[in-house]
């Protein structure tokens, strides 16, 4: 399973580093030391907490892209069926589902807990009016 540093887990969960450390102390998350001696948490566990909390990350993870509709998040579920696969991601309060080739899933090494960014591009955007009380 992917191992995430405390800071990365905190960014993805939209909480502080101290909150992640408190969750480790109270067994919400399990931590261990990586081969470099740094404290890390299991990415799949972080994904479970992200689904339960559904809070947006405080800042975007550091990578450059021209895409504006880009949401950082964690893979929460992967269903591979022959040629195609369904990848579910928790991106802050949003659940994003992507259909892609099974080969792409294998090439990217996607599994629950993988850190990803969902980039969306659409030729049509539907806007609905919402009544606010």
C-alpha atoms as a PDB file:
ATOM      1  CA  UNK A   1       0.000   0.000   0.000  1.00  0.00           C
ATOM      2  CA  UNK A   2       1.164   3.562  -0.628  1.00  0.00           C
ATOM      3  CA  UNK A   3       2.737   5.259   2.373  1.00  0.00           C
ATOM      4  CA  UNK A   4       2.099   8.994   2.830  1.00  0.00           C
ATOM      5  CA  UNK A   5       4.102  11.491   4.840  1.00  0.00           C
ATOM      6  CA  UNK A   6       2.211  13.281   7.608  1.00  0.00           C
ATOM      7  CA  UNK A   7       2.218  16.609   5.719  1.00  0.00           C
ATOM      8  CA  UNK A   8       0.846  15.040   2.523  1.00  0.00           C
ATOM      9  CA  UNK A   9      -1.894  13.192   4.414  1.00  0.00           C
ATOM     10  CA  UNK A  10      -2.844  16.439   6.180  1.00  0.00           C
ATOM     11  CA  UNK A  11      -3.053  18.366   2.879  1.00  0.00           C
ATOM     12  CA  UNK A  12      -5.210  15.685   1.290  1.00  0.00           C
ATOM     13  CA  UNK A  13      -7.517  15.533   4.303  1.00  0.00           C
ATOM     14  CA  UNK A  14      -7.761  19.330   4.678  1.00  0.00           C
ATOM     15  CA  UNK A  15      -6.460  19.268   8.255  1.00  0.00           C
ATOM     16  CA  UNK A  16      -3.272  20.308  10.043  1.00  0.00           C
ATOM     17  CA  UNK A  17      -0.221  18.115  10.550  1.00  0.00           C
ATOM     18  CA  UNK A  18      -1.006  18.183  14.287  1.00  0.00           C
ATOM     19  CA  UNK A  19      -4.486  16.764  13.633  1.00  0.00           C
ATOM     20  CA  UNK A  20      -2.986  13.842  11.714  1.00  0.00           C
ATOM     21  CA  UNK A  21      -0.556  13.248  14.592  1.00  0.00           C
ATOM     22  CA  UNK A  22      -3.477  13.298  17.060  1.00  0.00           C
ATOM     23  CA  UNK A  23      -5.311  10.770  14.868  1.00  0.00           C
ATOM     24  CA  UNK A  24      -2.215   8.567  15.009  1.00  0.00           C
ATOM     25  CA  UNK A  25      -2.109   8.904  18.821  1.00  0.00           C
ATOM     26  CA  UNK A  26      -5.817   7.973  19.063  1.00  0.00           C
ATOM     27  CA  UNK A  27      -5.563   5.082  16.551  1.00  0.00           C
ATOM     28  CA  UNK A  28      -7.679   6.744  13.863  1.00  0.00           C
ATOM     29  CA  UNK A  29      -4.624   6.296  11.612  1.00  0.00           C
ATOM     30  CA  UNK A  30      -1.775   3.816  11.910  1.00  0.00           C
ATOM     31  CA  UNK A  31       1.773   5.090  11.408  1.00  0.00           C
ATOM     32  CA  UNK A  32       5.119   3.419  10.886  1.00  0.00           C
ATOM     33  CA  UNK A  33       8.616   4.503   9.896  1.00  0.00           C
ATOM     34  CA  UNK A  34       9.638   4.224   6.256  1.00  0.00           C
ATOM     35  CA  UNK A  35      13.055   3.079   5.046  1.00  0.00           C
ATOM     36  CA  UNK A  36      14.361   6.647   5.590  1.00  0.00           C
ATOM     37  CA  UNK A  37      13.149   6.682   9.194  1.00  0.00           C
ATOM     38  CA  UNK A  38      10.314   9.152   8.509  1.00  0.00           C
ATOM     39  CA  UNK A  39       6.892   8.656  10.057  1.00  0.00           C
ATOM     40  CA  UNK A  40       4.332   7.692   7.387  1.00  0.00           C
ATOM     41  CA  UNK A  41       0.701   6.571   7.322  1.00  0.00           C
ATOM     42  CA  UNK A  42      -1.027   4.004   5.123  1.00  0.00           C
ATOM     43  CA  UNK A  43      -2.532   5.668   2.041  1.00  0.00           C
ATOM     44  CA  UNK A  44      -5.564   3.342   2.038  1.00  0.00           C
ATOM     45  CA  UNK A  45      -6.381   4.354   5.629  1.00  0.00           C
ATOM     46  CA  UNK A  46      -6.057   8.020   4.676  1.00  0.00           C
ATOM     47  CA  UNK A  47      -8.452   7.378   1.777  1.00  0.00           C
ATOM     48  CA  UNK A  48     -10.992   5.874   4.210  1.00  0.00           C
ATOM     49  CA  UNK A  49     -10.729   8.911   6.485  1.00  0.00           C
ATOM     50  CA  UNK A  50     -11.050  11.214   3.447  1.00  0.00           C
ATOM     51  CA  UNK A  51     -14.272   9.528   2.400  1.00  0.00           C
ATOM     52  CA  UNK A  52     -15.660   9.810   5.929  1.00  0.00           C
ATOM     53  CA  UNK A  53     -14.579  13.421   6.451  1.00  0.00           C
ATOM     54  CA  UNK A  54     -15.017  14.721   2.859  1.00  0.00           C
ATOM     55  CA  UNK A  55     -13.229  17.986   3.595  1.00  0.00           C
ATOM     56  CA  UNK A  56     -11.452  19.946   0.851  1.00  0.00           C
ATOM     57  CA  UNK A  57      -7.651  20.138   0.870  1.00  0.00           C
ATOM     58  CA  UNK A  58      -6.210  23.473   2.064  1.00  0.00           C
ATOM     59  CA  UNK A  59      -3.940  23.879  -0.946  1.00  0.00           C
ATOM     60  CA  UNK A  60      -3.179  22.192  -4.206  1.00  0.00           C
ATOM     61  CA  UNK A  61      -0.363  19.715  -4.263  1.00  0.00           C
ATOM     62  CA  UNK A  62       2.706  21.054  -6.027  1.00  0.00           C
ATOM     63  CA  UNK A  63       2.676  20.257  -9.720  1.00  0.00           C
ATOM     64  CA  UNK A  64       2.217  22.506 -12.722  1.00  0.00           C
ATOM     65  CA  UNK A  65      -0.572  22.137 -15.274  1.00  0.00           C
ATOM     66  CA  UNK A  66      -2.591  24.355 -17.559  1.00  0.00           C
ATOM     67  CA  UNK A  67      -5.786  22.564 -16.492  1.00  0.00           C
ATOM     68  CA  UNK A  68      -7.955  24.684 -14.238  1.00  0.00           C
ATOM     69  CA  UNK A  69     -10.424  21.958 -13.319  1.00  0.00           C
ATOM     70  CA  UNK A  70      -7.863  19.928 -11.388  1.00  0.00           C
ATOM     71  CA  UNK A  71      -8.642  18.406  -7.999  1.00  0.00           C
ATOM     72  CA  UNK A  72      -6.031  16.629  -5.852  1.00  0.00           C
ATOM     73  CA  UNK A  73      -7.237  13.580  -3.996  1.00  0.00           C
ATOM     74  CA  UNK A  74      -6.891   9.930  -3.121  1.00  0.00           C
ATOM     75  CA  UNK A  75      -7.994   6.796  -4.921  1.00  0.00           C
ATOM     76  CA  UNK A  76     -10.653   5.089  -2.804  1.00  0.00           C
ATOM     77  CA  UNK A  77     -11.669   2.195  -5.080  1.00  0.00           C
ATOM     78  CA  UNK A  78     -10.449   0.495  -8.263  1.00  0.00           C
ATOM     79  CA  UNK A  79     -12.572  -1.998 -10.212  1.00  0.00           C
ATOM     80  CA  UNK A  80     -10.744  -3.700 -13.084  1.00  0.00           C
ATOM     81  CA  UNK A  81     -12.847  -5.704 -15.526  1.00  0.00           C
ATOM     82  CA  UNK A  82     -11.076  -6.986 -18.608  1.00  0.00           C
ATOM     83  CA  UNK A  83     -10.069  -4.095 -20.865  1.00  0.00           C
ATOM     84  CA  UNK A  84     -11.675  -1.286 -18.815  1.00  0.00           C
ATOM     85  CA  UNK A  85     -11.425  -0.087 -15.227  1.00  0.00           C
ATOM     86  CA  UNK A  86     -13.360   2.234 -12.924  1.00  0.00           C
ATOM     87  CA  UNK A  87     -11.330   4.409 -10.572  1.00  0.00           C
ATOM     88  CA  UNK A  88     -13.078   6.258  -7.729  1.00  0.00           C
ATOM     89  CA  UNK A  89     -11.341   9.207  -6.076  1.00  0.00           C
ATOM     90  CA  UNK A  90     -12.145  11.358  -3.056  1.00  0.00           C
ATOM     91  CA  UNK A  91     -11.125  14.901  -3.968  1.00  0.00           C
ATOM     92  CA  UNK A  92     -12.021  17.020  -0.950  1.00  0.00           C
ATOM     93  CA  UNK A  93     -15.813  16.891  -0.614  1.00  0.00           C
ATOM     94  CA  UNK A  94     -16.174  15.518  -4.153  1.00  0.00           C
ATOM     95  CA  UNK A  95     -16.272  11.923  -5.359  1.00  0.00           C
ATOM     96  CA  UNK A  96     -14.841  11.710  -8.884  1.00  0.00           C
ATOM     97  CA  UNK A  97     -15.237   8.551 -10.971  1.00  0.00           C
ATOM     98  CA  UNK A  98     -13.049   7.909 -14.005  1.00  0.00           C
ATOM     99  CA  UNK A  99     -13.368   5.161 -16.590  1.00  0.00           C
ATOM    100  CA  UNK A 100     -10.054   4.221 -18.182  1.00  0.00           C
ATOM    101  CA  UNK A 101      -8.244   1.259 -19.645  1.00  0.00           C
ATOM    102  CA  UNK A 102      -7.042  -1.486 -17.322  1.00  0.00           C
ATOM    103  CA  UNK A 103      -3.582  -0.952 -18.817  1.00  0.00           C
ATOM    104  CA  UNK A 104      -3.641   2.689 -17.622  1.00  0.00           C
ATOM    105  CA  UNK A 105      -4.492   1.541 -14.085  1.00  0.00           C
ATOM    106  CA  UNK A 106      -1.550  -0.879 -14.121  1.00  0.00           C
ATOM    107  CA  UNK A 107       0.844   1.647 -15.691  1.00  0.00           C
ATOM    108  CA  UNK A 108      -0.055   4.336 -13.133  1.00  0.00           C
ATOM    109  CA  UNK A 109      -0.023   1.814 -10.265  1.00  0.00           C
ATOM    110  CA  UNK A 110      -3.447   2.974  -9.072  1.00  0.00           C
ATOM    111  CA  UNK A 111      -4.795   1.387  -5.897  1.00  0.00           C
ATOM    112  CA  UNK A 112      -6.730   2.639  -2.860  1.00  0.00           C
ATOM    113  CA  UNK A 113      -4.576   5.242  -1.146  1.00  0.00           C
ATOM    114  CA  UNK A 114      -2.733   6.385  -4.291  1.00  0.00           C
ATOM    115  CA  UNK A 115      -2.304  10.168  -4.437  1.00  0.00           C
ATOM    116  CA  UNK A 116      -3.779  11.498  -7.676  1.00  0.00           C
ATOM    117  CA  UNK A 117      -5.112  14.613  -9.355  1.00  0.00           C
ATOM    118  CA  UNK A 118      -8.343  14.459 -11.338  1.00  0.00           C
ATOM    119  CA  UNK A 119      -8.248  16.839 -14.294  1.00  0.00           C
ATOM    120  CA  UNK A 120     -11.579  17.410 -16.031  1.00  0.00           C
ATOM    121  CA  UNK A 121     -12.247  18.892 -19.438  1.00  0.00           C
ATOM    122  CA  UNK A 122     -15.737  19.181 -20.814  1.00  0.00           C
ATOM    123  CA  UNK A 123     -17.199  20.662 -23.942  1.00  0.00           C
ATOM    124  CA  UNK A 124     -20.529  21.186 -22.176  1.00  0.00           C
ATOM    125  CA  UNK A 125     -21.136  22.571 -18.716  1.00  0.00           C
ATOM    126  CA  UNK A 126     -24.677  22.559 -17.325  1.00  0.00           C
ATOM    127  CA  UNK A 127     -25.488  25.256 -14.758  1.00  0.00           C
ATOM    128  CA  UNK A 128     -28.555  24.857 -12.549  1.00  0.00           C
ATOM    129  CA  UNK A 129     -30.167  27.550 -10.437  1.00  0.00           C
ATOM    130  CA  UNK A 130     -30.317  26.694  -6.749  1.00  0.00           C
ATOM    131  CA  UNK A 131     -32.823  28.281  -4.383  1.00  0.00           C
ATOM    132  CA  UNK A 132     -31.086  29.610  -1.282  1.00  0.00           C
ATOM    133  CA  UNK A 133     -33.131  30.332   1.799  1.00  0.00           C
END
